[in-house]
Every structure is written in C-alpha cells, then in structure tokens.
C-alpha cells in the first residue's frame, strides 16, 4: 500500500530523490548484477519437481537483477539417489557463488538425507506440512507423487481425455463433437490458442477446442458457421500487430502472412467480430498462458 506521509519516502531512502536518480539507481543495481556470476539454483523433488519449480521461481522472480542458473533434479526416489544429489549440491558450494536449493520431497528419509548438504535448502514441505497437520489435527501420509502423479485416477483419466480432445480439435482440424467443448478459443493464426488449449486440458481437464479465423471468416460479420450456435462457449484471443508479426516471421519469414499490414488487418477484423458478438476477449501479448487460463476458468466458474 502506498502512502503520502512525509516520513515514508525518507524511511525508504528516497526522500527528495528525483525520479531520474531513482531510475539511475535501478540501472546501477542492474549493471552490478550483470557483473556477478549466476547463482546456481536447484529444484529437488521425489516426484516431477513441478511444484518445487513453480514455488521456487515465484520467489526468484522477486530478484530481477540477479541471474540464476537453474537445474531440475526430479524423481529422487531413494536414499542412495539423495546422497548423489547431496554430492552435487556440496560441489556447487565450492564454487564462487553460494547456491540455493528448493525442495518438495515428501518422504522423510529422503528429506533427512538432503538436509545433510552444506547447500542452503528451502524445504517447502517441511515449512508448511507440520502447521497444516496441527490445524487439521491429523497426520499427513508424507508419500511422494501425490500432487503430480496419477493419484486420483478419475481426475487423471479426465485430464487425459481432455488432452486427447484438445489434440483432435486443435486449430480447427476436426469439427466432430465440437458441442462437447467447455471452451472454444477463437483467434487469427498464431495468437496463442494452442498453448492455452493444452494447458487447460493437461492441468485442469477442461475440454477445449480452438478455431482459427481465416480471411473468409474475417470478411464476414457473423461468426463462422461451425461455432455460431456455440457463441456462449467462445473466447476471443487477440494480440498486438507487432507481436503477431514477430511470431509469424519465425514461421514464414518475409511472407504476406507475416506482414505488419496483414497482421493489423486480421486483428482489427477479429476484434470487431468479437465486439459485435459480445465475446469475452483476452490479449495474449499481455498475459502468460497461466494467466489466460485463470481468466477463462473464472469465467467458466461464474457460469455455474
């Protein structure tokens, strides 16, 4: 929360500092960081390591002027493997920069072995499990693979079915069972439909189809016939002409398809189409796949 109280700026070391000086200080920090060697960072897990990476990176992103050399070490399934990891961590400790490790290992024997390392370890499991157990007045099982393993068979099967559906209905390849979709992503080519489709399917088990708007669609004022009756499930995706041109240039360099004029025209027509039919719209140039997916999930929840 920001404040305009007189002492606030002084306490933050910014009293009387012009904006230019503050900017200069930021650049100074950035140049200092570029002179430092990268900090070795390890993500350790007895499962996939996705949680360790996600939570660890959420912390590391708060240090934008430091460089990190990241390494994932998943599936530490035995004490012997944990000892090998400890050797890797201790070797890193002998380097010029103190390393850092983030761990989500659940098995007590493996966690105990990892703690023998001289490397500082942020143990997310240890930090939170004991408190949750105290609140719930129950003992957790403390076994691996509960979050990203098969775990809940019903949920796992639902996610795999959603992935198969997403692959079949990617980029308008199939219109079969289009009515089964929970969500239909609509956009010109290369606006970010496929990554969002796959993320929603794999992570959340949402049945997603994506439909590419081609020139014929963009020259009309009605939604394309295959999705016309499914308007309430459609989400429009846009981006900026410059970003779309950049992505298309990587696919078809120096083509009309990748020209700034073509990108501008397609996006303008797509936005007009979305507006005319009151479709919720997401700008993929300003949001990550995770953020876009969250917006879509919130919309779906609001319909229930």
C-alpha atoms as a PDB file:
ATOM      1  CA  UNK A   1       0.000   0.000   0.000  1.00  0.00           C
ATOM      2  CA  UNK A   2       1.410   3.368  -0.965  1.00  0.00           C
ATOM      3  CA  UNK A   3       1.375   6.335   1.358  1.00  0.00           C
ATOM      4  CA  UNK A   4       1.901  10.073   1.036  1.00  0.00           C
ATOM      5  CA  UNK A   5       3.015  10.567   4.633  1.00  0.00           C
ATOM      6  CA  UNK A   6       6.129  12.796   4.810  1.00  0.00           C
ATOM      7  CA  UNK A   7       8.305  10.207   6.565  1.00  0.00           C
ATOM      8  CA  UNK A   8       7.506   7.325   4.254  1.00  0.00           C
ATOM      9  CA  UNK A   9       9.911   8.300   1.490  1.00  0.00           C
ATOM     10  CA  UNK A  10      12.702   9.030   3.952  1.00  0.00           C
ATOM     11  CA  UNK A  11      12.363   5.637   5.588  1.00  0.00           C
ATOM     12  CA  UNK A  12      12.698   4.057   2.155  1.00  0.00           C
ATOM     13  CA  UNK A  13      15.826   6.041   1.369  1.00  0.00           C
ATOM     14  CA  UNK A  14      14.129   8.085  -1.334  1.00  0.00           C
ATOM     15  CA  UNK A  15      13.394  11.376   0.374  1.00  0.00           C
ATOM     16  CA  UNK A  16      13.974  14.238  -2.017  1.00  0.00           C
ATOM     17  CA  UNK A  17      15.251  11.922  -4.781  1.00  0.00           C
ATOM     18  CA  UNK A  18      14.199  12.953  -8.263  1.00  0.00           C
ATOM     19  CA  UNK A  19      12.684  10.287 -10.486  1.00  0.00           C
ATOM     20  CA  UNK A  20      15.805  10.311 -12.629  1.00  0.00           C
ATOM     21  CA  UNK A  21      18.017   9.432  -9.655  1.00  0.00           C
ATOM     22  CA  UNK A  22      15.750   6.523  -8.749  1.00  0.00           C
ATOM     23  CA  UNK A  23      15.957   5.249 -12.321  1.00  0.00           C
ATOM     24  CA  UNK A  24      19.714   5.639 -12.179  1.00  0.00           C
ATOM     25  CA  UNK A  25      19.853   3.582  -9.008  1.00  0.00           C
ATOM     26  CA  UNK A  26      17.849   0.804 -10.643  1.00  0.00           C
ATOM     27  CA  UNK A  27      20.212   0.788 -13.606  1.00  0.00           C
ATOM     28  CA  UNK A  28      23.163   0.717 -11.205  1.00  0.00           C
ATOM     29  CA  UNK A  29      21.740  -2.385  -9.478  1.00  0.00           C
ATOM     30  CA  UNK A  30      21.159  -3.984 -12.849  1.00  0.00           C
ATOM     31  CA  UNK A  31      24.725  -3.347 -14.006  1.00  0.00           C
ATOM     32  CA  UNK A  32      26.104  -4.708 -10.737  1.00  0.00           C
ATOM     33  CA  UNK A  33      24.052  -7.877 -11.155  1.00  0.00           C
ATOM     34  CA  UNK A  34      25.306  -8.377 -14.703  1.00  0.00           C
ATOM     35  CA  UNK A  35      28.872  -8.372 -13.359  1.00  0.00           C
ATOM     36  CA  UNK A  36      28.137 -11.166 -10.890  1.00  0.00           C
ATOM     37  CA  UNK A  37      28.253 -14.851 -11.781  1.00  0.00           C
ATOM     38  CA  UNK A  38      24.870 -16.578 -11.919  1.00  0.00           C
ATOM     39  CA  UNK A  39      23.540 -18.092  -8.711  1.00  0.00           C
ATOM     40  CA  UNK A  40      23.236 -21.896  -9.023  1.00  0.00           C
ATOM     41  CA  UNK A  41      19.660 -22.889  -8.185  1.00  0.00           C
ATOM     42  CA  UNK A  42      18.453 -26.468  -7.764  1.00  0.00           C
ATOM     43  CA  UNK A  43      14.854 -27.706  -7.725  1.00  0.00           C
ATOM     44  CA  UNK A  44      14.675 -31.029  -5.883  1.00  0.00           C
ATOM     45  CA  UNK A  45      11.791 -33.461  -5.708  1.00  0.00           C
ATOM     46  CA  UNK A  46      10.891 -37.103  -5.213  1.00  0.00           C
ATOM     47  CA  UNK A  47       8.243 -36.544  -7.900  1.00  0.00           C
ATOM     48  CA  UNK A  48       8.210 -34.406 -11.060  1.00  0.00           C
ATOM     49  CA  UNK A  49       9.588 -31.236  -9.466  1.00  0.00           C
ATOM     50  CA  UNK A  50       6.855 -29.077 -10.959  1.00  0.00           C
ATOM     51  CA  UNK A  51       5.824 -27.763  -7.537  1.00  0.00           C
ATOM     52  CA  UNK A  52       9.411 -27.024  -6.493  1.00  0.00           C
ATOM     53  CA  UNK A  53       9.987 -25.118  -9.742  1.00  0.00           C
ATOM     54  CA  UNK A  54       6.711 -23.218  -9.523  1.00  0.00           C
ATOM     55  CA  UNK A  55       7.125 -22.092  -5.914  1.00  0.00           C
ATOM     56  CA  UNK A  56      10.863 -21.518  -6.221  1.00  0.00           C
ATOM     57  CA  UNK A  57      10.543 -19.408  -9.349  1.00  0.00           C
ATOM     58  CA  UNK A  58       7.748 -17.394  -7.712  1.00  0.00           C
ATOM     59  CA  UNK A  59      10.373 -16.328  -5.169  1.00  0.00           C
ATOM     60  CA  UNK A  60      13.267 -15.882  -7.594  1.00  0.00           C
ATOM     61  CA  UNK A  61      11.220 -13.580  -9.823  1.00  0.00           C
ATOM     62  CA  UNK A  62      11.343 -11.058  -6.978  1.00  0.00           C
ATOM     63  CA  UNK A  63      15.069 -10.623  -7.688  1.00  0.00           C
ATOM     64  CA  UNK A  64      15.008  -9.382 -11.294  1.00  0.00           C
ATOM     65  CA  UNK A  65      18.554  -8.025 -11.233  1.00  0.00           C
ATOM     66  CA  UNK A  66      20.171 -11.332 -10.320  1.00  0.00           C
ATOM     67  CA  UNK A  67      20.999 -14.097 -12.761  1.00  0.00           C
ATOM     68  CA  UNK A  68      20.195 -17.711 -11.937  1.00  0.00           C
ATOM     69  CA  UNK A  69      21.487 -20.971 -13.355  1.00  0.00           C
ATOM     70  CA  UNK A  70      18.553 -23.331 -12.767  1.00  0.00           C
ATOM     71  CA  UNK A  71      18.694 -27.132 -12.637  1.00  0.00           C
ATOM     72  CA  UNK A  72      15.827 -29.530 -12.001  1.00  0.00           C
ATOM     73  CA  UNK A  73      16.568 -32.840 -10.256  1.00  0.00           C
ATOM     74  CA  UNK A  74      13.296 -34.834 -10.109  1.00  0.00           C
ATOM     75  CA  UNK A  75      12.412 -38.373  -9.025  1.00  0.00           C
ATOM     76  CA  UNK A  76      14.807 -38.636  -6.069  1.00  0.00           C
ATOM     77  CA  UNK A  77      13.274 -41.939  -5.060  1.00  0.00           C
ATOM     78  CA  UNK A  78      15.844 -43.461  -2.708  1.00  0.00           C
ATOM     79  CA  UNK A  79      18.315 -42.511  -0.015  1.00  0.00           C
ATOM     80  CA  UNK A  80      21.125 -43.525  -2.364  1.00  0.00           C
ATOM     81  CA  UNK A  81      19.883 -41.096  -5.020  1.00  0.00           C
ATOM     82  CA  UNK A  82      19.543 -38.410  -2.348  1.00  0.00           C
ATOM     83  CA  UNK A  83      23.208 -38.938  -1.429  1.00  0.00           C
ATOM     84  CA  UNK A  84      24.216 -38.388  -5.053  1.00  0.00           C
ATOM     85  CA  UNK A  85      22.228 -35.148  -5.049  1.00  0.00           C
ATOM     86  CA  UNK A  86      23.950 -34.051  -1.838  1.00  0.00           C
ATOM     87  CA  UNK A  87      27.301 -34.575  -3.577  1.00  0.00           C
ATOM     88  CA  UNK A  88      26.141 -32.329  -6.445  1.00  0.00           C
ATOM     89  CA  UNK A  89      24.962 -29.635  -4.030  1.00  0.00           C
ATOM     90  CA  UNK A  90      28.164 -29.750  -1.985  1.00  0.00           C
ATOM     91  CA  UNK A  91      30.250 -29.456  -5.161  1.00  0.00           C
ATOM     92  CA  UNK A  92      28.253 -26.341  -6.053  1.00  0.00           C
ATOM     93  CA  UNK A  93      29.019 -24.969  -2.580  1.00  0.00           C
ATOM     94  CA  UNK A  94      32.705 -24.969  -3.512  1.00  0.00           C
ATOM     95  CA  UNK A  95      32.024 -22.626  -6.426  1.00  0.00           C
ATOM     96  CA  UNK A  96      32.323 -18.815  -6.438  1.00  0.00           C
ATOM     97  CA  UNK A  97      28.659 -18.210  -5.573  1.00  0.00           C
ATOM     98  CA  UNK A  98      26.618 -19.792  -2.803  1.00  0.00           C
ATOM     99  CA  UNK A  99      23.956 -21.990  -4.414  1.00  0.00           C
ATOM    100  CA  UNK A 100      20.333 -22.314  -3.352  1.00  0.00           C
ATOM    101  CA  UNK A 101      18.012 -25.319  -3.465  1.00  0.00           C
ATOM    102  CA  UNK A 102      14.220 -25.526  -3.338  1.00  0.00           C
ATOM    103  CA  UNK A 103      12.828 -28.901  -2.306  1.00  0.00           C
ATOM    104  CA  UNK A 104       9.393 -30.511  -2.159  1.00  0.00           C
ATOM    105  CA  UNK A 105      10.428 -34.051  -1.258  1.00  0.00           C
ATOM    106  CA  UNK A 106       7.732 -35.671   0.886  1.00  0.00           C
ATOM    107  CA  UNK A 107       9.466 -38.866   2.032  1.00  0.00           C
ATOM    108  CA  UNK A 108      11.083 -38.257   5.413  1.00  0.00           C
ATOM    109  CA  UNK A 109      14.194 -40.393   4.773  1.00  0.00           C
ATOM    110  CA  UNK A 110      14.959 -38.520   1.560  1.00  0.00           C
ATOM    111  CA  UNK A 111      14.397 -35.134   3.171  1.00  0.00           C
ATOM    112  CA  UNK A 112      16.662 -36.102   6.066  1.00  0.00           C
ATOM    113  CA  UNK A 113      19.423 -37.101   3.646  1.00  0.00           C
ATOM    114  CA  UNK A 114      19.092 -33.908   1.593  1.00  0.00           C
ATOM    115  CA  UNK A 115      19.446 -31.831   4.754  1.00  0.00           C
ATOM    116  CA  UNK A 116      22.972 -33.242   5.188  1.00  0.00           C
ATOM    117  CA  UNK A 117      24.127 -30.999   2.365  1.00  0.00           C
ATOM    118  CA  UNK A 118      26.066 -27.834   3.107  1.00  0.00           C
ATOM    119  CA  UNK A 119      23.902 -26.088   0.500  1.00  0.00           C
ATOM    120  CA  UNK A 120      21.077 -23.896   1.849  1.00  0.00           C
ATOM    121  CA  UNK A 121      17.790 -25.700   1.176  1.00  0.00           C
ATOM    122  CA  UNK A 122      14.336 -24.111   1.215  1.00  0.00           C
ATOM    123  CA  UNK A 123      12.178 -27.103   2.114  1.00  0.00           C
ATOM    124  CA  UNK A 124       8.588 -26.178   1.204  1.00  0.00           C
ATOM    125  CA  UNK A 125       7.276 -29.463   2.549  1.00  0.00           C
ATOM    126  CA  UNK A 126       8.943 -29.001   5.925  1.00  0.00           C
ATOM    127  CA  UNK A 127       7.915 -25.352   6.142  1.00  0.00           C
ATOM    128  CA  UNK A 128       4.196 -25.991   5.742  1.00  0.00           C
ATOM    129  CA  UNK A 129       3.323 -29.635   6.434  1.00  0.00           C
ATOM    130  CA  UNK A 130       3.700 -29.513  10.221  1.00  0.00           C
ATOM    131  CA  UNK A 131       1.468 -26.466  10.506  1.00  0.00           C
ATOM    132  CA  UNK A 132      -1.212 -27.942   8.267  1.00  0.00           C
ATOM    133  CA  UNK A 133      -1.142 -31.140  10.350  1.00  0.00           C
ATOM    134  CA  UNK A 134      -1.548 -29.083  13.529  1.00  0.00           C
ATOM    135  CA  UNK A 135      -4.527 -27.189  12.099  1.00  0.00           C
ATOM    136  CA  UNK A 136      -6.220 -30.337  10.792  1.00  0.00           C
ATOM    137  CA  UNK A 137      -5.355 -32.401  13.885  1.00  0.00           C
ATOM    138  CA  UNK A 138      -4.355 -35.187  11.511  1.00  0.00           C
ATOM    139  CA  UNK A 139      -1.112 -36.736  10.279  1.00  0.00           C
ATOM    140  CA  UNK A 140      -0.308 -36.459   6.597  1.00  0.00           C
ATOM    141  CA  UNK A 141       0.815 -39.573   4.730  1.00  0.00           C
ATOM    142  CA  UNK A 142       4.119 -37.978   3.606  1.00  0.00           C
ATOM    143  CA  UNK A 143       4.447 -40.042   0.450  1.00  0.00           C
ATOM    144  CA  UNK A 144       5.747 -38.987  -2.961  1.00  0.00           C
ATOM    145  CA  UNK A 145       3.775 -38.329  -6.172  1.00  0.00           C
ATOM    146  CA  UNK A 146       0.562 -37.187  -4.521  1.00  0.00           C
ATOM    147  CA  UNK A 147       0.305 -33.921  -6.452  1.00  0.00           C
ATOM    148  CA  UNK A 148       1.573 -34.620  -9.978  1.00  0.00           C
ATOM    149  CA  UNK A 149       1.469 -38.409 -10.005  1.00  0.00           C
ATOM    150  CA  UNK A 150      -1.536 -40.441 -11.104  1.00  0.00           C
ATOM    151  CA  UNK A 151      -3.028 -40.080  -7.617  1.00  0.00           C
ATOM    152  CA  UNK A 152      -6.754 -39.536  -8.192  1.00  0.00           C
ATOM    153  CA  UNK A 153      -7.398 -41.981 -11.072  1.00  0.00           C
ATOM    154  CA  UNK A 154     -10.717 -40.383 -12.008  1.00  0.00           C
ATOM    155  CA  UNK A 155      -9.176 -36.910 -12.270  1.00  0.00           C
ATOM    156  CA  UNK A 156      -6.153 -38.261 -14.131  1.00  0.00           C
ATOM    157  CA  UNK A 157      -8.335 -40.013 -16.704  1.00  0.00           C
ATOM    158  CA  UNK A 158     -10.401 -36.854 -17.134  1.00  0.00           C
ATOM    159  CA  UNK A 159      -7.263 -34.833 -17.856  1.00  0.00           C
ATOM    160  CA  UNK A 160      -6.010 -37.375 -20.387  1.00  0.00           C
ATOM    161  CA  UNK A 161      -9.401 -37.377 -22.128  1.00  0.00           C
ATOM    162  CA  UNK A 162      -9.258 -33.573 -22.272  1.00  0.00           C
ATOM    163  CA  UNK A 163      -5.767 -33.714 -23.813  1.00  0.00           C
ATOM    164  CA  UNK A 164      -6.929 -36.166 -26.490  1.00  0.00           C
ATOM    165  CA  UNK A 165      -9.895 -33.908 -27.248  1.00  0.00           C
ATOM    166  CA  UNK A 166      -7.618 -30.846 -27.462  1.00  0.00           C
ATOM    167  CA  UNK A 167      -5.272 -32.579 -29.913  1.00  0.00           C
ATOM    168  CA  UNK A 168      -8.154 -33.694 -32.134  1.00  0.00           C
ATOM    169  CA  UNK A 169      -9.752 -30.233 -32.138  1.00  0.00           C
ATOM    170  CA  UNK A 170      -6.589 -28.140 -32.406  1.00  0.00           C
ATOM    171  CA  UNK A 171      -6.639 -25.364 -34.998  1.00  0.00           C
ATOM    172  CA  UNK A 172      -9.979 -26.459 -36.440  1.00  0.00           C
ATOM    173  CA  UNK A 173      -8.658 -29.864 -37.543  1.00  0.00           C
ATOM    174  CA  UNK A 174     -11.903 -31.566 -36.559  1.00  0.00           C
ATOM    175  CA  UNK A 175     -15.427 -30.304 -36.035  1.00  0.00           C
ATOM    176  CA  UNK A 176     -16.574 -33.678 -34.698  1.00  0.00           C
ATOM    177  CA  UNK A 177     -18.060 -33.392 -31.205  1.00  0.00           C
ATOM    178  CA  UNK A 178     -17.444 -29.646 -31.179  1.00  0.00           C
ATOM    179  CA  UNK A 179     -20.519 -29.338 -28.984  1.00  0.00           C
ATOM    180  CA  UNK A 180     -18.694 -31.282 -26.271  1.00  0.00           C
ATOM    181  CA  UNK A 181     -16.247 -28.417 -25.747  1.00  0.00           C
ATOM    182  CA  UNK A 182     -16.349 -26.485 -22.486  1.00  0.00           C
ATOM    183  CA  UNK A 183     -14.444 -23.673 -24.179  1.00  0.00           C
ATOM    184  CA  UNK A 184     -13.753 -22.699 -27.798  1.00  0.00           C
ATOM    185  CA  UNK A 185     -10.809 -20.369 -28.334  1.00  0.00           C
ATOM    186  CA  UNK A 186     -11.249 -18.201 -31.427  1.00  0.00           C
ATOM    187  CA  UNK A 187      -8.455 -16.143 -32.981  1.00  0.00           C
ATOM    188  CA  UNK A 188      -6.389 -15.494 -36.087  1.00  0.00           C
ATOM    189  CA  UNK A 189      -3.456 -17.821 -36.634  1.00  0.00           C
ATOM    190  CA  UNK A 190      -0.552 -17.676 -34.131  1.00  0.00           C
ATOM    191  CA  UNK A 191      -2.292 -15.679 -31.418  1.00  0.00           C
ATOM    192  CA  UNK A 192      -1.671 -18.277 -28.703  1.00  0.00           C
ATOM    193  CA  UNK A 193      -4.661 -20.606 -28.991  1.00  0.00           C
ATOM    194  CA  UNK A 194      -2.811 -23.929 -28.880  1.00  0.00           C
ATOM    195  CA  UNK A 195      -0.625 -23.388 -25.769  1.00  0.00           C
ATOM    196  CA  UNK A 196      -3.642 -22.177 -23.803  1.00  0.00           C
ATOM    197  CA  UNK A 197      -5.730 -25.097 -25.063  1.00  0.00           C
ATOM    198  CA  UNK A 198      -3.143 -27.653 -23.977  1.00  0.00           C
ATOM    199  CA  UNK A 199      -2.558 -26.026 -20.600  1.00  0.00           C
ATOM    200  CA  UNK A 200      -6.271 -26.022 -19.755  1.00  0.00           C
ATOM    201  CA  UNK A 201      -6.587 -29.641 -20.836  1.00  0.00           C
ATOM    202  CA  UNK A 202      -3.494 -31.009 -19.117  1.00  0.00           C
ATOM    203  CA  UNK A 203      -3.660 -29.023 -15.898  1.00  0.00           C
ATOM    204  CA  UNK A 204      -7.404 -28.682 -15.386  1.00  0.00           C
ATOM    205  CA  UNK A 205      -9.113 -31.343 -17.507  1.00  0.00           C
ATOM    206  CA  UNK A 206     -11.099 -28.720 -19.445  1.00  0.00           C
ATOM    207  CA  UNK A 207     -12.346 -29.776 -22.886  1.00  0.00           C
ATOM    208  CA  UNK A 208     -11.087 -27.054 -25.203  1.00  0.00           C
ATOM    209  CA  UNK A 209     -11.342 -26.679 -28.967  1.00  0.00           C
ATOM    210  CA  UNK A 210      -9.673 -23.868 -30.836  1.00  0.00           C
ATOM    211  CA  UNK A 211     -10.918 -22.383 -34.065  1.00  0.00           C
ATOM    212  CA  UNK A 212      -8.679 -20.333 -36.397  1.00  0.00           C
ATOM    213  CA  UNK A 213     -10.177 -17.289 -38.080  1.00  0.00           C
ATOM    214  CA  UNK A 214      -9.167 -17.255 -41.750  1.00  0.00           C
ATOM    215  CA  UNK A 215      -9.673 -14.406 -44.211  1.00  0.00           C
ATOM    216  CA  UNK A 216     -13.049 -15.726 -45.317  1.00  0.00           C
ATOM    217  CA  UNK A 217     -14.264 -15.607 -41.699  1.00  0.00           C
ATOM    218  CA  UNK A 218     -12.829 -12.149 -41.119  1.00  0.00           C
ATOM    219  CA  UNK A 219     -14.580 -10.691 -44.154  1.00  0.00           C
ATOM    220  CA  UNK A 220     -17.967 -11.561 -42.636  1.00  0.00           C
ATOM    221  CA  UNK A 221     -19.910 -10.034 -39.777  1.00  0.00           C
ATOM    222  CA  UNK A 222     -21.311 -13.339 -38.482  1.00  0.00           C
ATOM    223  CA  UNK A 223     -19.380 -15.886 -36.503  1.00  0.00           C
ATOM    224  CA  UNK A 224     -18.163 -18.843 -38.578  1.00  0.00           C
ATOM    225  CA  UNK A 225     -20.955 -21.371 -39.077  1.00  0.00           C
ATOM    226  CA  UNK A 226     -19.396 -24.253 -37.069  1.00  0.00           C
ATOM    227  CA  UNK A 227     -19.254 -22.160 -33.880  1.00  0.00           C
ATOM    228  CA  UNK A 228     -22.241 -19.884 -34.455  1.00  0.00           C
ATOM    229  CA  UNK A 229     -24.570 -21.855 -32.190  1.00  0.00           C
ATOM    230  CA  UNK A 230     -21.850 -22.186 -29.538  1.00  0.00           C
ATOM    231  CA  UNK A 231     -21.236 -18.482 -29.007  1.00  0.00           C
ATOM    232  CA  UNK A 232     -21.640 -18.754 -25.221  1.00  0.00           C
ATOM    233  CA  UNK A 233     -18.564 -21.038 -25.071  1.00  0.00           C
ATOM    234  CA  UNK A 234     -16.318 -18.877 -27.237  1.00  0.00           C
ATOM    235  CA  UNK A 235     -13.415 -16.772 -26.043  1.00  0.00           C
ATOM    236  CA  UNK A 236     -11.676 -14.408 -28.432  1.00  0.00           C
ATOM    237  CA  UNK A 237      -7.889 -14.079 -28.304  1.00  0.00           C
ATOM    238  CA  UNK A 238      -6.042 -11.071 -29.667  1.00  0.00           C
ATOM    239  CA  UNK A 239      -2.509  -9.750 -29.539  1.00  0.00           C
ATOM    240  CA  UNK A 240      -0.645  -6.732 -30.894  1.00  0.00           C
ATOM    241  CA  UNK A 241       0.205  -6.452 -34.607  1.00  0.00           C
ATOM    242  CA  UNK A 242       3.901  -6.198 -33.776  1.00  0.00           C
ATOM    243  CA  UNK A 243       3.858  -9.328 -31.637  1.00  0.00           C
ATOM    244  CA  UNK A 244       1.821 -11.282 -34.197  1.00  0.00           C
ATOM    245  CA  UNK A 245       4.197 -10.225 -36.959  1.00  0.00           C
ATOM    246  CA  UNK A 246       7.181 -11.369 -34.884  1.00  0.00           C
ATOM    247  CA  UNK A 247       5.669 -14.812 -34.272  1.00  0.00           C
ATOM    248  CA  UNK A 248       4.607 -15.267 -37.892  1.00  0.00           C
ATOM    249  CA  UNK A 249       8.012 -14.180 -39.188  1.00  0.00           C
ATOM    250  CA  UNK A 250       9.523 -17.141 -37.348  1.00  0.00           C
ATOM    251  CA  UNK A 251       7.164 -19.445 -39.226  1.00  0.00           C
ATOM    252  CA  UNK A 252       7.059 -17.818 -42.675  1.00  0.00           C
ATOM    253  CA  UNK A 253       9.717 -15.089 -42.993  1.00  0.00           C
ATOM    254  CA  UNK A 254       9.041 -12.177 -45.352  1.00  0.00           C
ATOM    255  CA  UNK A 255       5.625 -13.504 -46.402  1.00  0.00           C
ATOM    256  CA  UNK A 256       2.375 -11.609 -46.813  1.00  0.00           C
ATOM    257  CA  UNK A 257       1.074 -13.792 -43.972  1.00  0.00           C
ATOM    258  CA  UNK A 258       3.712 -12.268 -41.676  1.00  0.00           C
ATOM    259  CA  UNK A 259       3.497  -8.682 -42.905  1.00  0.00           C
ATOM    260  CA  UNK A 260       2.550  -5.966 -40.450  1.00  0.00           C
ATOM    261  CA  UNK A 261      -0.290  -4.849 -42.734  1.00  0.00           C
ATOM    262  CA  UNK A 262      -1.824  -8.323 -42.829  1.00  0.00           C
ATOM    263  CA  UNK A 263      -1.458  -8.805 -39.072  1.00  0.00           C
ATOM    264  CA  UNK A 264      -3.024  -5.416 -38.381  1.00  0.00           C
ATOM    265  CA  UNK A 265      -5.968  -6.108 -40.684  1.00  0.00           C
ATOM    266  CA  UNK A 266      -6.673  -9.559 -39.252  1.00  0.00           C
ATOM    267  CA  UNK A 267      -6.547  -8.359 -35.654  1.00  0.00           C
ATOM    268  CA  UNK A 268      -8.754  -5.351 -36.386  1.00  0.00           C
ATOM    269  CA  UNK A 269     -11.358  -7.541 -38.071  1.00  0.00           C
ATOM    270  CA  UNK A 270     -11.189 -10.172 -35.325  1.00  0.00           C
ATOM    271  CA  UNK A 271     -11.677  -7.571 -32.594  1.00  0.00           C
ATOM    272  CA  UNK A 272     -14.673  -6.148 -34.462  1.00  0.00           C
ATOM    273  CA  UNK A 273     -16.147  -9.650 -34.716  1.00  0.00           C
ATOM    274  CA  UNK A 274     -15.614 -10.322 -31.000  1.00  0.00           C
ATOM    275  CA  UNK A 275     -17.179  -6.983 -30.087  1.00  0.00           C
ATOM    276  CA  UNK A 276     -20.188  -7.464 -32.381  1.00  0.00           C
ATOM    277  CA  UNK A 277     -20.998 -10.804 -30.749  1.00  0.00           C
ATOM    278  CA  UNK A 278     -20.051  -9.773 -27.211  1.00  0.00           C
ATOM    279  CA  UNK A 279     -17.370 -12.449 -26.828  1.00  0.00           C
ATOM    280  CA  UNK A 280     -15.053 -12.233 -23.815  1.00  0.00           C
ATOM    281  CA  UNK A 281     -11.617 -11.320 -25.129  1.00  0.00           C
ATOM    282  CA  UNK A 282      -8.078 -11.898 -23.836  1.00  0.00           C
ATOM    283  CA  UNK A 283      -4.944 -10.170 -25.114  1.00  0.00           C
ATOM    284  CA  UNK A 284      -2.217 -12.822 -25.268  1.00  0.00           C
ATOM    285  CA  UNK A 285       0.575 -10.247 -25.613  1.00  0.00           C
ATOM    286  CA  UNK A 286      -0.074  -9.009 -22.074  1.00  0.00           C
ATOM    287  CA  UNK A 287      -0.735 -12.304 -20.281  1.00  0.00           C
ATOM    288  CA  UNK A 288       1.023 -15.616 -19.784  1.00  0.00           C
ATOM    289  CA  UNK A 289      -0.667 -18.907 -20.652  1.00  0.00           C
ATOM    290  CA  UNK A 290      -1.289 -19.460 -16.939  1.00  0.00           C
ATOM    291  CA  UNK A 291      -2.910 -16.033 -16.556  1.00  0.00           C
ATOM    292  CA  UNK A 292      -5.067 -16.513 -19.642  1.00  0.00           C
ATOM    293  CA  UNK A 293      -6.184 -19.912 -18.392  1.00  0.00           C
ATOM    294  CA  UNK A 294      -7.088 -18.470 -14.994  1.00  0.00           C
ATOM    295  CA  UNK A 295      -9.243 -15.777 -16.611  1.00  0.00           C
ATOM    296  CA  UNK A 296     -11.050 -18.453 -18.641  1.00  0.00           C
ATOM    297  CA  UNK A 297     -11.544 -20.700 -15.601  1.00  0.00           C
ATOM    298  CA  UNK A 298     -13.001 -17.789 -13.634  1.00  0.00           C
ATOM    299  CA  UNK A 299     -15.478 -17.130 -16.447  1.00  0.00           C
ATOM    300  CA  UNK A 300     -16.469 -20.788 -16.501  1.00  0.00           C
ATOM    301  CA  UNK A 301     -16.957 -20.819 -12.729  1.00  0.00           C
ATOM    302  CA  UNK A 302     -19.127 -17.724 -12.931  1.00  0.00           C
ATOM    303  CA  UNK A 303     -21.470 -19.534 -15.340  1.00  0.00           C
ATOM    304  CA  UNK A 304     -22.064 -22.424 -12.919  1.00  0.00           C
END
